[in-house]
């Protein structure tokens, strides 16, 4: 992978479930790391859900292979938007990981 292509900075957060003394659970979001990435827009549409206009985007991030990221508990912050991790595809020949994400509408 060429280093000059990693132009954007992303932040990777992990969601941890914390249980208190009474058995209640809360989600705590912890910053894992910030790293450089190559960002590519895969697809995007506008949909109407419950009489509300929703924008759905799928974005691909390429990072170095040493970046610690998981599919079900992590999310990515990029340009003040939150992206859910759908899949992490390692590419050992190019020493990178390809991360498929979708925009979380809040």
PDB file of N, CA and C in Angstrom:
ATOM      1  N   UNK A   1       0.854  -1.170   0.000  1.00  0.00           N
ATOM      2  CA  UNK A   1       0.000   0.000   0.000  1.00  0.00           C
ATOM      3  C   UNK A   1       0.901   1.235   0.000  1.00  0.00           C
ATOM      4  N   UNK A   2       0.510   2.215  -0.758  1.00  0.00           N
ATOM      5  CA  UNK A   2       1.298   3.437  -0.862  1.00  0.00           C
ATOM      6  C   UNK A   2       0.913   4.411   0.244  1.00  0.00           C
ATOM      7  N   UNK A   3       1.896   4.919   0.941  1.00  0.00           N
ATOM      8  CA  UNK A   3       1.666   5.798   2.082  1.00  0.00           C
ATOM      9  C   UNK A   3       1.028   7.120   1.671  1.00  0.00           C
ATOM     10  N   UNK A   4       1.334   7.615   0.496  1.00  0.00           N
ATOM     11  CA  UNK A   4       0.800   8.892   0.058  1.00  0.00           C
ATOM     12  C   UNK A   4      -0.701   8.897  -0.154  1.00  0.00           C
ATOM     13  N   UNK A   5      -1.315   7.717  -0.240  1.00  0.00           N
ATOM     14  CA  UNK A   5      -2.765   7.642  -0.419  1.00  0.00           C
ATOM     15  C   UNK A   5      -3.531   7.815   0.886  1.00  0.00           C
ATOM     16  N   UNK A   6      -2.849   7.709   2.024  1.00  0.00           N
ATOM     17  CA  UNK A   6      -3.513   7.835   3.322  1.00  0.00           C
ATOM     18  C   UNK A   6      -3.623   9.310   3.685  1.00  0.00           C
ATOM     19  N   UNK A   7      -4.627   9.975   3.145  1.00  0.00           N
ATOM     20  CA  UNK A   7      -4.741  11.433   3.265  1.00  0.00           C
ATOM     21  C   UNK A   7      -5.688  11.903   4.355  1.00  0.00           C
ATOM     22  N   UNK A   8      -6.601  11.063   4.780  1.00  0.00           N
ATOM     23  CA  UNK A   8      -7.632  11.479   5.734  1.00  0.00           C
ATOM     24  C   UNK A   8      -7.344  10.897   7.114  1.00  0.00           C
ATOM     25  N   UNK A   9      -7.756  11.609   8.155  1.00  0.00           N
ATOM     26  CA  UNK A   9      -7.606  11.141   9.528  1.00  0.00           C
ATOM     27  C   UNK A   9      -8.959  10.643  10.030  1.00  0.00           C
ATOM     28  N   UNK A  10      -8.963   9.433  10.591  1.00  0.00           N
ATOM     29  CA  UNK A  10     -10.188   8.862  11.146  1.00  0.00           C
ATOM     30  C   UNK A  10      -9.934   8.500  12.603  1.00  0.00           C
ATOM     31  N   UNK A  11     -11.017   8.415  13.370  1.00  0.00           N
ATOM     32  CA  UNK A  11     -10.943   7.994  14.771  1.00  0.00           C
ATOM     33  C   UNK A  11     -11.755   6.715  14.911  1.00  0.00           C
ATOM     34  N   UNK A  12     -11.188   5.737  15.590  1.00  0.00           N
ATOM     35  CA  UNK A  12     -11.860   4.448  15.794  1.00  0.00           C
ATOM     36  C   UNK A  12     -12.255   4.357  17.257  1.00  0.00           C
ATOM     37  N   UNK A  13     -13.548   4.106  17.501  1.00  0.00           N
ATOM     38  CA  UNK A  13     -14.097   3.984  18.845  1.00  0.00           C
ATOM     39  C   UNK A  13     -14.588   2.563  19.070  1.00  0.00           C
ATOM     40  N   UNK A  14     -14.498   2.092  20.316  1.00  0.00           N
ATOM     41  CA  UNK A  14     -15.015   0.778  20.686  1.00  0.00           C
ATOM     42  C   UNK A  14     -16.097   0.954  21.734  1.00  0.00           C
ATOM     43  N   UNK A  15     -17.202   0.237  21.571  1.00  0.00           N
ATOM     44  CA  UNK A  15     -18.307   0.277  22.517  1.00  0.00           C
ATOM     45  C   UNK A  15     -18.131  -0.853  23.519  1.00  0.00           C
ATOM     46  N   UNK A  16     -18.092  -0.502  24.791  1.00  0.00           N
ATOM     47  CA  UNK A  16     -17.973  -1.493  25.855  1.00  0.00           C
ATOM     48  C   UNK A  16     -19.230  -1.444  26.701  1.00  0.00           C
ATOM     49  N   UNK A  17     -19.736  -2.614  27.084  1.00  0.00           N
ATOM     50  CA  UNK A  17     -20.927  -2.701  27.921  1.00  0.00           C
ATOM     51  C   UNK A  17     -20.473  -2.828  29.369  1.00  0.00           C
ATOM     52  N   UNK A  18     -20.857  -1.861  30.192  1.00  0.00           N
ATOM     53  CA  UNK A  18     -20.468  -1.814  31.592  1.00  0.00           C
ATOM     54  C   UNK A  18     -21.689  -2.168  32.442  1.00  0.00           C
ATOM     55  N   UNK A  19     -21.510  -3.118  33.369  1.00  0.00           N
ATOM     56  CA  UNK A  19     -22.604  -3.524  34.254  1.00  0.00           C
ATOM     57  C   UNK A  19     -22.357  -2.945  35.635  1.00  0.00           C
ATOM     58  N   UNK A  20     -23.384  -2.305  36.205  1.00  0.00           N
ATOM     59  CA  UNK A  20     -23.239  -1.718  37.535  1.00  0.00           C
ATOM     60  C   UNK A  20     -23.597  -2.731  38.615  1.00  0.00           C
ATOM     61  N   UNK A  21     -23.591  -2.289  39.870  1.00  0.00           N
ATOM     62  CA  UNK A  21     -23.836  -3.185  41.007  1.00  0.00           C
ATOM     63  C   UNK A  21     -25.253  -3.744  41.033  1.00  0.00           C
ATOM     64  N   UNK A  22     -26.211  -3.045  40.396  1.00  0.00           N
ATOM     65  CA  UNK A  22     -27.601  -3.467  40.432  1.00  0.00           C
ATOM     66  C   UNK A  22     -27.993  -4.299  39.206  1.00  0.00           C
ATOM     67  N   UNK A  23     -27.068  -4.561  38.312  1.00  0.00           N
ATOM     68  CA  UNK A  23     -27.347  -5.375  37.129  1.00  0.00           C
ATOM     69  C   UNK A  23     -27.688  -4.572  35.891  1.00  0.00           C
ATOM     70  N   UNK A  24     -27.780  -3.284  36.015  1.00  0.00           N
ATOM     71  CA  UNK A  24     -28.063  -2.444  34.851  1.00  0.00           C
ATOM     72  C   UNK A  24     -26.827  -2.300  33.977  1.00  0.00           C
ATOM     73  N   UNK A  25     -27.056  -2.128  32.696  1.00  0.00           N
ATOM     74  CA  UNK A  25     -25.927  -1.997  31.772  1.00  0.00           C
ATOM     75  C   UNK A  25     -25.979  -0.646  31.071  1.00  0.00           C
ATOM     76  N   UNK A  26     -24.800  -0.130  30.788  1.00  0.00           N
ATOM     77  CA  UNK A  26     -24.659   1.093  30.016  1.00  0.00           C
ATOM     78  C   UNK A  26     -23.577   0.883  28.971  1.00  0.00           C
ATOM     79  N   UNK A  27     -23.699   1.593  27.874  1.00  0.00           N
ATOM     80  CA  UNK A  27     -22.692   1.531  26.821  1.00  0.00           C
ATOM     81  C   UNK A  27     -21.704   2.669  27.016  1.00  0.00           C
ATOM     82  N   UNK A  28     -20.436   2.322  27.014  1.00  0.00           N
ATOM     83  CA  UNK A  28     -19.388   3.322  27.132  1.00  0.00           C
ATOM     84  C   UNK A  28     -18.558   3.284  25.859  1.00  0.00           C
ATOM     85  N   UNK A  29     -18.355   4.450  25.239  1.00  0.00           N
ATOM     86  CA  UNK A  29     -17.607   4.545  23.988  1.00  0.00           C
ATOM     87  C   UNK A  29     -16.203   5.046  24.313  1.00  0.00           C
ATOM     88  N   UNK A  30     -15.200   4.256  23.928  1.00  0.00           N
ATOM     89  CA  UNK A  30     -13.811   4.565  24.246  1.00  0.00           C
ATOM     90  C   UNK A  30     -13.028   4.742  22.954  1.00  0.00           C
ATOM     91  N   UNK A  31     -12.259   5.821  22.878  1.00  0.00           N
ATOM     92  CA  UNK A  31     -11.422   6.071  21.713  1.00  0.00           C
ATOM     93  C   UNK A  31     -10.270   5.077  21.708  1.00  0.00           C
ATOM     94  N   UNK A  32     -10.185   4.263  20.647  1.00  0.00           N
ATOM     95  CA  UNK A  32      -9.078   3.315  20.515  1.00  0.00           C
ATOM     96  C   UNK A  32      -7.858   3.990  19.928  1.00  0.00           C
ATOM     97  N   UNK A  33      -8.029   4.599  18.774  1.00  0.00           N
ATOM     98  CA  UNK A  33      -6.900   5.204  18.089  1.00  0.00           C
ATOM     99  C   UNK A  33      -7.388   6.167  17.018  1.00  0.00           C
ATOM    100  N   UNK A  34      -6.513   7.048  16.622  1.00  0.00           N
ATOM    101  CA  UNK A  34      -6.726   7.836  15.418  1.00  0.00           C
ATOM    102  C   UNK A  34      -5.636   7.427  14.440  1.00  0.00           C
ATOM    103  N   UNK A  35      -5.985   7.316  13.182  1.00  0.00           N
ATOM    104  CA  UNK A  35      -5.041   6.850  12.184  1.00  0.00           C
ATOM    105  C   UNK A  35      -5.342   7.494  10.846  1.00  0.00           C
ATOM    106  N   UNK A  36      -4.444   7.344   9.927  1.00  0.00           N
ATOM    107  CA  UNK A  36      -4.619   7.862   8.565  1.00  0.00           C
ATOM    108  C   UNK A  36      -5.267   6.782   7.722  1.00  0.00           C
ATOM    109  N   UNK A  37      -6.093   7.190   6.765  1.00  0.00           N
ATOM    110  CA  UNK A  37      -6.820   6.237   5.941  1.00  0.00           C
ATOM    111  C   UNK A  37      -7.049   6.794   4.545  1.00  0.00           C
ATOM    112  N   UNK A  38      -7.252   5.892   3.617  1.00  0.00           N
ATOM    113  CA  UNK A  38      -7.701   6.231   2.272  1.00  0.00           C
ATOM    114  C   UNK A  38      -9.210   6.009   2.251  1.00  0.00           C
ATOM    115  N   UNK A  39      -9.967   7.017   1.879  1.00  0.00           N
ATOM    116  CA  UNK A  39     -11.422   6.965   1.946  1.00  0.00           C
ATOM    117  C   UNK A  39     -11.998   6.910   0.538  1.00  0.00           C
ATOM    118  N   UNK A  40     -12.911   5.968   0.321  1.00  0.00           N
ATOM    119  CA  UNK A  40     -13.591   5.859  -0.964  1.00  0.00           C
ATOM    120  C   UNK A  40     -15.085   5.699  -0.756  1.00  0.00           C
ATOM    121  N   UNK A  41     -15.869   6.425  -1.531  1.00  0.00           N
ATOM    122  CA  UNK A  41     -17.324   6.332  -1.422  1.00  0.00           C
ATOM    123  C   UNK A  41     -17.803   5.239  -2.361  1.00  0.00           C
ATOM    124  N   UNK A  42     -18.510   4.271  -1.798  1.00  0.00           N
ATOM    125  CA  UNK A  42     -18.941   3.115  -2.569  1.00  0.00           C
ATOM    126  C   UNK A  42     -20.314   3.350  -3.196  1.00  0.00           C
ATOM    127  N   UNK A  43     -21.296   3.695  -2.385  1.00  0.00           N
ATOM    128  CA  UNK A  43     -22.648   3.914  -2.878  1.00  0.00           C
ATOM    129  C   UNK A  43     -23.389   4.824  -1.909  1.00  0.00           C
ATOM    130  N   UNK A  44     -24.436   5.446  -2.382  1.00  0.00           N
ATOM    131  CA  UNK A  44     -25.246   6.300  -1.532  1.00  0.00           C
ATOM    132  C   UNK A  44     -26.614   6.519  -2.145  1.00  0.00           C
ATOM    133  N   UNK A  45     -27.629   6.509  -1.306  1.00  0.00           N
ATOM    134  CA  UNK A  45     -28.995   6.698  -1.774  1.00  0.00           C
ATOM    135  C   UNK A  45     -29.760   7.566  -0.782  1.00  0.00           C
ATOM    136  N   UNK A  46     -30.905   8.050  -1.249  1.00  0.00           N
ATOM    137  CA  UNK A  46     -31.846   8.740  -0.370  1.00  0.00           C
ATOM    138  C   UNK A  46     -33.087   7.871  -0.262  1.00  0.00           C
ATOM    139  N   UNK A  47     -33.536   7.649   0.957  1.00  0.00           N
ATOM    140  CA  UNK A  47     -34.715   6.823   1.200  1.00  0.00           C
ATOM    141  C   UNK A  47     -35.666   7.573   2.118  1.00  0.00           C
ATOM    142  N   UNK A  48     -36.942   7.236   2.014  1.00  0.00           N
ATOM    143  CA  UNK A  48     -37.936   7.788   2.919  1.00  0.00           C
ATOM    144  C   UNK A  48     -38.332   6.676   3.889  1.00  0.00           C
ATOM    145  N   UNK A  49     -38.031   6.897   5.179  1.00  0.00           N
ATOM    146  CA  UNK A  49     -38.339   5.937   6.228  1.00  0.00           C
ATOM    147  C   UNK A  49     -39.180   6.654   7.268  1.00  0.00           C
ATOM    148  N   UNK A  50     -40.401   6.174   7.486  1.00  0.00           N
ATOM    149  CA  UNK A  50     -41.319   6.777   8.456  1.00  0.00           C
ATOM    150  C   UNK A  50     -41.520   8.263   8.171  1.00  0.00           C
ATOM    151  N   UNK A  51     -41.760   8.595   6.912  1.00  0.00           N
ATOM    152  CA  UNK A  51     -41.981   9.960   6.463  1.00  0.00           C
ATOM    153  C   UNK A  51     -40.799  10.889   6.776  1.00  0.00           C
ATOM    154  N   UNK A  52     -39.607  10.338   6.812  1.00  0.00           N
ATOM    155  CA  UNK A  52     -38.404  11.118   7.046  1.00  0.00           C
ATOM    156  C   UNK A  52     -37.371  10.761   5.987  1.00  0.00           C
ATOM    157  N   UNK A  53     -36.729  11.787   5.422  1.00  0.00           N
ATOM    158  CA  UNK A  53     -35.722  11.568   4.399  1.00  0.00           C
ATOM    159  C   UNK A  53     -34.413  11.143   5.060  1.00  0.00           C
ATOM    160  N   UNK A  54     -33.907   9.965   4.662  1.00  0.00           N
ATOM    161  CA  UNK A  54     -32.704   9.390   5.264  1.00  0.00           C
ATOM    162  C   UNK A  54     -31.685   9.170   4.161  1.00  0.00           C
ATOM    163  N   UNK A  55     -30.450   9.607   4.416  1.00  0.00           N
ATOM    164  CA  UNK A  55     -29.354   9.393   3.471  1.00  0.00           C
ATOM    165  C   UNK A  55     -28.545   8.190   3.930  1.00  0.00           C
ATOM    166  N   UNK A  56     -28.410   7.197   3.067  1.00  0.00           N
ATOM    167  CA  UNK A  56     -27.619   6.015   3.390  1.00  0.00           C
ATOM    168  C   UNK A  56     -26.391   5.996   2.485  1.00  0.00           C
ATOM    169  N   UNK A  57     -25.236   6.013   3.099  1.00  0.00           N
ATOM    170  CA  UNK A  57     -23.979   5.983   2.371  1.00  0.00           C
ATOM    171  C   UNK A  57     -23.168   4.782   2.825  1.00  0.00           C
ATOM    172  N   UNK A  58     -22.477   4.166   1.874  1.00  0.00           N
ATOM    173  CA  UNK A  58     -21.508   3.135   2.207  1.00  0.00           C
ATOM    174  C   UNK A  58     -20.137   3.652   1.809  1.00  0.00           C
ATOM    175  N   UNK A  59     -19.233   3.634   2.761  1.00  0.00           N
ATOM    176  CA  UNK A  59     -17.901   4.189   2.579  1.00  0.00           C
ATOM    177  C   UNK A  59     -16.878   3.097   2.855  1.00  0.00           C
ATOM    178  N   UNK A  60     -15.795   3.091   2.076  1.00  0.00           N
ATOM    179  CA  UNK A  60     -14.705   2.143   2.246  1.00  0.00           C
ATOM    180  C   UNK A  60     -13.481   2.885   2.771  1.00  0.00           C
ATOM    181  N   UNK A  61     -12.920   2.375   3.870  1.00  0.00           N
ATOM    182  CA  UNK A  61     -11.696   2.922   4.445  1.00  0.00           C
ATOM    183  C   UNK A  61     -10.586   1.897   4.268  1.00  0.00           C
ATOM    184  N   UNK A  62      -9.409   2.346   3.842  1.00  0.00           N
ATOM    185  CA  UNK A  62      -8.235   1.485   3.759  1.00  0.00           C
ATOM    186  C   UNK A  62      -7.218   1.978   4.776  1.00  0.00           C
ATOM    187  N   UNK A  63      -6.799   1.077   5.679  1.00  0.00           N
ATOM    188  CA  UNK A  63      -5.835   1.412   6.729  1.00  0.00           C
ATOM    189  C   UNK A  63      -4.730   0.367   6.731  1.00  0.00           C
ATOM    190  N   UNK A  64      -3.650   0.645   7.472  1.00  0.00           N
ATOM    191  CA  UNK A  64      -2.581  -0.332   7.610  1.00  0.00           C
ATOM    192  C   UNK A  64      -3.074  -1.562   8.354  1.00  0.00           C
ATOM    193  N   UNK A  65      -2.430  -2.695   8.161  1.00  0.00           N
ATOM    194  CA  UNK A  65      -2.905  -3.959   8.716  1.00  0.00           C
ATOM    195  C   UNK A  65      -2.767  -4.034  10.239  1.00  0.00           C
ATOM    196  N   UNK A  66      -1.935  -3.214  10.856  1.00  0.00           N
ATOM    197  CA  UNK A  66      -1.756  -3.283  12.310  1.00  0.00           C
ATOM    198  C   UNK A  66      -2.883  -2.606  13.086  1.00  0.00           C
ATOM    199  N   UNK A  67      -3.775  -1.887  12.420  1.00  0.00           N
ATOM    200  CA  UNK A  67      -4.862  -1.181  13.097  1.00  0.00           C
ATOM    201  C   UNK A  67      -5.821  -2.206  13.700  1.00  0.00           C
ATOM    202  N   UNK A  68      -6.080  -2.059  15.001  1.00  0.00           N
ATOM    203  CA  UNK A  68      -6.951  -2.978  15.724  1.00  0.00           C
ATOM    204  C   UNK A  68      -8.397  -2.519  15.575  1.00  0.00           C
ATOM    205  N   UNK A  69      -9.184  -3.269  14.814  1.00  0.00           N
ATOM    206  CA  UNK A  69     -10.594  -2.917  14.601  1.00  0.00           C
ATOM    207  C   UNK A  69     -11.409  -4.191  14.513  1.00  0.00           C
ATOM    208  N   UNK A  70     -12.615  -4.157  15.085  1.00  0.00           N
ATOM    209  CA  UNK A  70     -13.523  -5.296  15.080  1.00  0.00           C
ATOM    210  C   UNK A  70     -14.832  -4.900  14.413  1.00  0.00           C
ATOM    211  N   UNK A  71     -15.550  -5.912  13.952  1.00  0.00           N
ATOM    212  CA  UNK A  71     -16.764  -5.633  13.177  1.00  0.00           C
ATOM    213  C   UNK A  71     -17.964  -5.242  14.030  1.00  0.00           C
ATOM    214  N   UNK A  72     -18.192  -5.893  15.145  1.00  0.00           N
ATOM    215  CA  UNK A  72     -19.474  -5.727  15.841  1.00  0.00           C
ATOM    216  C   UNK A  72     -19.455  -4.686  16.957  1.00  0.00           C
ATOM    217  N   UNK A  73     -18.269  -4.308  17.424  1.00  0.00           N
ATOM    218  CA  UNK A  73     -18.220  -3.392  18.568  1.00  0.00           C
ATOM    219  C   UNK A  73     -17.609  -2.044  18.248  1.00  0.00           C
ATOM    220  N   UNK A  74     -17.073  -1.848  17.064  1.00  0.00           N
ATOM    221  CA  UNK A  74     -16.370  -0.612  16.738  1.00  0.00           C
ATOM    222  C   UNK A  74     -17.154   0.245  15.752  1.00  0.00           C
ATOM    223  N   UNK A  75     -16.874   1.543  15.795  1.00  0.00           N
ATOM    224  CA  UNK A  75     -17.386   2.458  14.785  1.00  0.00           C
ATOM    225  C   UNK A  75     -16.321   3.496  14.487  1.00  0.00           C
ATOM    226  N   UNK A  76     -16.475   4.162  13.358  1.00  0.00           N
ATOM    227  CA  UNK A  76     -15.484   5.115  12.876  1.00  0.00           C
ATOM    228  C   UNK A  76     -16.108   6.501  12.818  1.00  0.00           C
ATOM    229  N   UNK A  77     -15.375   7.493  13.325  1.00  0.00           N
ATOM    230  CA  UNK A  77     -15.775   8.887  13.187  1.00  0.00           C
ATOM    231  C   UNK A  77     -14.914   9.505  12.092  1.00  0.00           C
ATOM    232  N   UNK A  78     -15.584  10.078  11.081  1.00  0.00           N
ATOM    233  CA  UNK A  78     -14.886  10.712   9.968  1.00  0.00           C
ATOM    234  C   UNK A  78     -15.676  11.945   9.559  1.00  0.00           C
ATOM    235  N   UNK A  79     -15.052  13.092   9.616  1.00  0.00           N
ATOM    236  CA  UNK A  79     -15.680  14.379   9.290  1.00  0.00           C
ATOM    237  C   UNK A  79     -16.967  14.594  10.081  1.00  0.00           C
ATOM    238  N   UNK A  80     -16.909  14.338  11.384  1.00  0.00           N
ATOM    239  CA  UNK A  80     -18.020  14.529  12.328  1.00  0.00           C
ATOM    240  C   UNK A  80     -19.232  13.659  12.009  1.00  0.00           C
ATOM    241  N   UNK A  81     -19.028  12.554  11.324  1.00  0.00           N
ATOM    242  CA  UNK A  81     -20.103  11.594  11.060  1.00  0.00           C
ATOM    243  C   UNK A  81     -19.667  10.229  11.558  1.00  0.00           C
ATOM    244  N   UNK A  82     -20.645   9.457  11.995  1.00  0.00           N
ATOM    245  CA  UNK A  82     -20.389   8.154  12.588  1.00  0.00           C
ATOM    246  C   UNK A  82     -20.715   7.054  11.570  1.00  0.00           C
ATOM    247  N   UNK A  83     -19.786   6.113  11.397  1.00  0.00           N
ATOM    248  CA  UNK A  83     -19.944   5.022  10.439  1.00  0.00           C
ATOM    249  C   UNK A  83     -19.867   3.682  11.157  1.00  0.00           C
ATOM    250  N   UNK A  84     -20.843   2.810  10.890  1.00  0.00           N
ATOM    251  CA  UNK A  84     -20.889   1.462  11.449  1.00  0.00           C
ATOM    252  C   UNK A  84     -20.014   0.539  10.607  1.00  0.00           C
ATOM    253  N   UNK A  85     -19.197  -0.285  11.251  1.00  0.00           N
ATOM    254  CA  UNK A  85     -18.311  -1.211  10.554  1.00  0.00           C
ATOM    255  C   UNK A  85     -19.109  -2.449  10.144  1.00  0.00           C
ATOM    256  N   UNK A  86     -19.172  -2.701   8.843  1.00  0.00           N
ATOM    257  CA  UNK A  86     -19.871  -3.874   8.324  1.00  0.00           C
ATOM    258  C   UNK A  86     -18.941  -5.065   8.175  1.00  0.00           C
ATOM    259  N   UNK A  87     -17.754  -4.841   7.646  1.00  0.00           N
ATOM    260  CA  UNK A  87     -16.794  -5.932   7.484  1.00  0.00           C
ATOM    261  C   UNK A  87     -15.373  -5.380   7.471  1.00  0.00           C
ATOM    262  N   UNK A  88     -14.448  -6.227   7.898  1.00  0.00           N
ATOM    263  CA  UNK A  88     -13.022  -5.907   7.872  1.00  0.00           C
ATOM    264  C   UNK A  88     -12.346  -6.980   7.040  1.00  0.00           C
ATOM    265  N   UNK A  89     -11.760  -6.572   5.915  1.00  0.00           N
ATOM    266  CA  UNK A  89     -11.156  -7.519   4.979  1.00  0.00           C
ATOM    267  C   UNK A  89      -9.643  -7.296   4.982  1.00  0.00           C
ATOM    268  N   UNK A  90      -8.866  -8.265   5.515  1.00  0.00           N
ATOM    269  CA  UNK A  90      -7.414  -8.111   5.475  1.00  0.00           C
ATOM    270  C   UNK A  90      -6.860  -8.424   4.080  1.00  0.00           C
ATOM    271  N   UNK A  91      -5.888  -7.631   3.653  1.00  0.00           N
ATOM    272  CA  UNK A  91      -5.199  -7.846   2.376  1.00  0.00           C
ATOM    273  C   UNK A  91      -3.707  -7.947   2.694  1.00  0.00           C
ATOM    274  N   UNK A  92      -3.213  -9.163   3.026  1.00  0.00           N
ATOM    275  CA  UNK A  92      -1.823  -9.290   3.466  1.00  0.00           C
ATOM    276  C   UNK A  92      -0.801  -8.945   2.387  1.00  0.00           C
ATOM    277  N   UNK A  93      -1.115  -9.136   1.137  1.00  0.00           N
ATOM    278  CA  UNK A  93      -0.165  -8.849   0.064  1.00  0.00           C
ATOM    279  C   UNK A  93       0.185  -7.362   0.011  1.00  0.00           C
ATOM    280  N   UNK A  94      -0.760  -6.502   0.377  1.00  0.00           N
ATOM    281  CA  UNK A  94      -0.525  -5.062   0.360  1.00  0.00           C
ATOM    282  C   UNK A  94      -0.405  -4.467   1.765  1.00  0.00           C
ATOM    283  N   UNK A  95      -0.383  -5.320   2.786  1.00  0.00           N
ATOM    284  CA  UNK A  95      -0.251  -4.916   4.186  1.00  0.00           C
ATOM    285  C   UNK A  95      -1.305  -3.891   4.588  1.00  0.00           C
ATOM    286  N   UNK A  96      -2.561  -4.163   4.258  1.00  0.00           N
ATOM    287  CA  UNK A  96      -3.639  -3.239   4.596  1.00  0.00           C
ATOM    288  C   UNK A  96      -4.896  -4.004   4.982  1.00  0.00           C
ATOM    289  N   UNK A  97      -5.846  -3.263   5.547  1.00  0.00           N
ATOM    290  CA  UNK A  97      -7.184  -3.764   5.826  1.00  0.00           C
ATOM    291  C   UNK A  97      -8.162  -2.859   5.099  1.00  0.00           C
ATOM    292  N   UNK A  98      -9.166  -3.460   4.490  1.00  0.00           N
ATOM    293  CA  UNK A  98     -10.239  -2.726   3.831  1.00  0.00           C
ATOM    294  C   UNK A  98     -11.459  -2.825   4.744  1.00  0.00           C
ATOM    295  N   UNK A  99     -11.969  -1.686   5.158  1.00  0.00           N
ATOM    296  CA  UNK A  99     -13.090  -1.629   6.103  1.00  0.00           C
ATOM    297  C   UNK A  99     -14.310  -1.105   5.374  1.00  0.00           C
ATOM    298  N   UNK A 100     -15.343  -1.933   5.272  1.00  0.00           N
ATOM    299  CA  UNK A 100     -16.613  -1.551   4.653  1.00  0.00           C
ATOM    300  C   UNK A 100     -17.525  -1.008   5.763  1.00  0.00           C
ATOM    301  N   UNK A 101     -18.069   0.203   5.554  1.00  0.00           N
ATOM    302  CA  UNK A 101     -18.902   0.833   6.580  1.00  0.00           C
ATOM    303  C   UNK A 101     -20.167   1.409   5.966  1.00  0.00           C
ATOM    304  N   UNK A 102     -21.096   1.790   6.843  1.00  0.00           N
ATOM    305  CA  UNK A 102     -22.293   2.527   6.412  1.00  0.00           C
ATOM    306  C   UNK A 102     -22.534   3.646   7.395  1.00  0.00           C
ATOM    307  N   UNK A 103     -23.105   4.725   6.898  1.00  0.00           N
ATOM    308  CA  UNK A 103     -23.373   5.907   7.696  1.00  0.00           C
ATOM    309  C   UNK A 103     -24.485   5.598   8.703  1.00  0.00           C
ATOM    310  N   UNK A 104     -24.275   5.994   9.954  1.00  0.00           N
ATOM    311  CA  UNK A 104     -25.299   5.847  10.979  1.00  0.00           C
ATOM    312  C   UNK A 104     -26.109   7.133  11.005  1.00  0.00           C
ATOM    313  N   UNK A 105     -27.406   7.035  10.784  1.00  0.00           N
ATOM    314  CA  UNK A 105     -28.282   8.206  10.798  1.00  0.00           C
ATOM    315  C   UNK A 105     -28.776   8.428  12.211  1.00  0.00           C
ATOM    316  N   UNK A 106     -28.447   9.587  12.760  1.00  0.00           N
ATOM    317  CA  UNK A 106     -28.888   9.900  14.124  1.00  0.00           C
ATOM    318  C   UNK A 106     -29.783  11.100  14.127  1.00  0.00           C
TER     319      UNK A 106
END
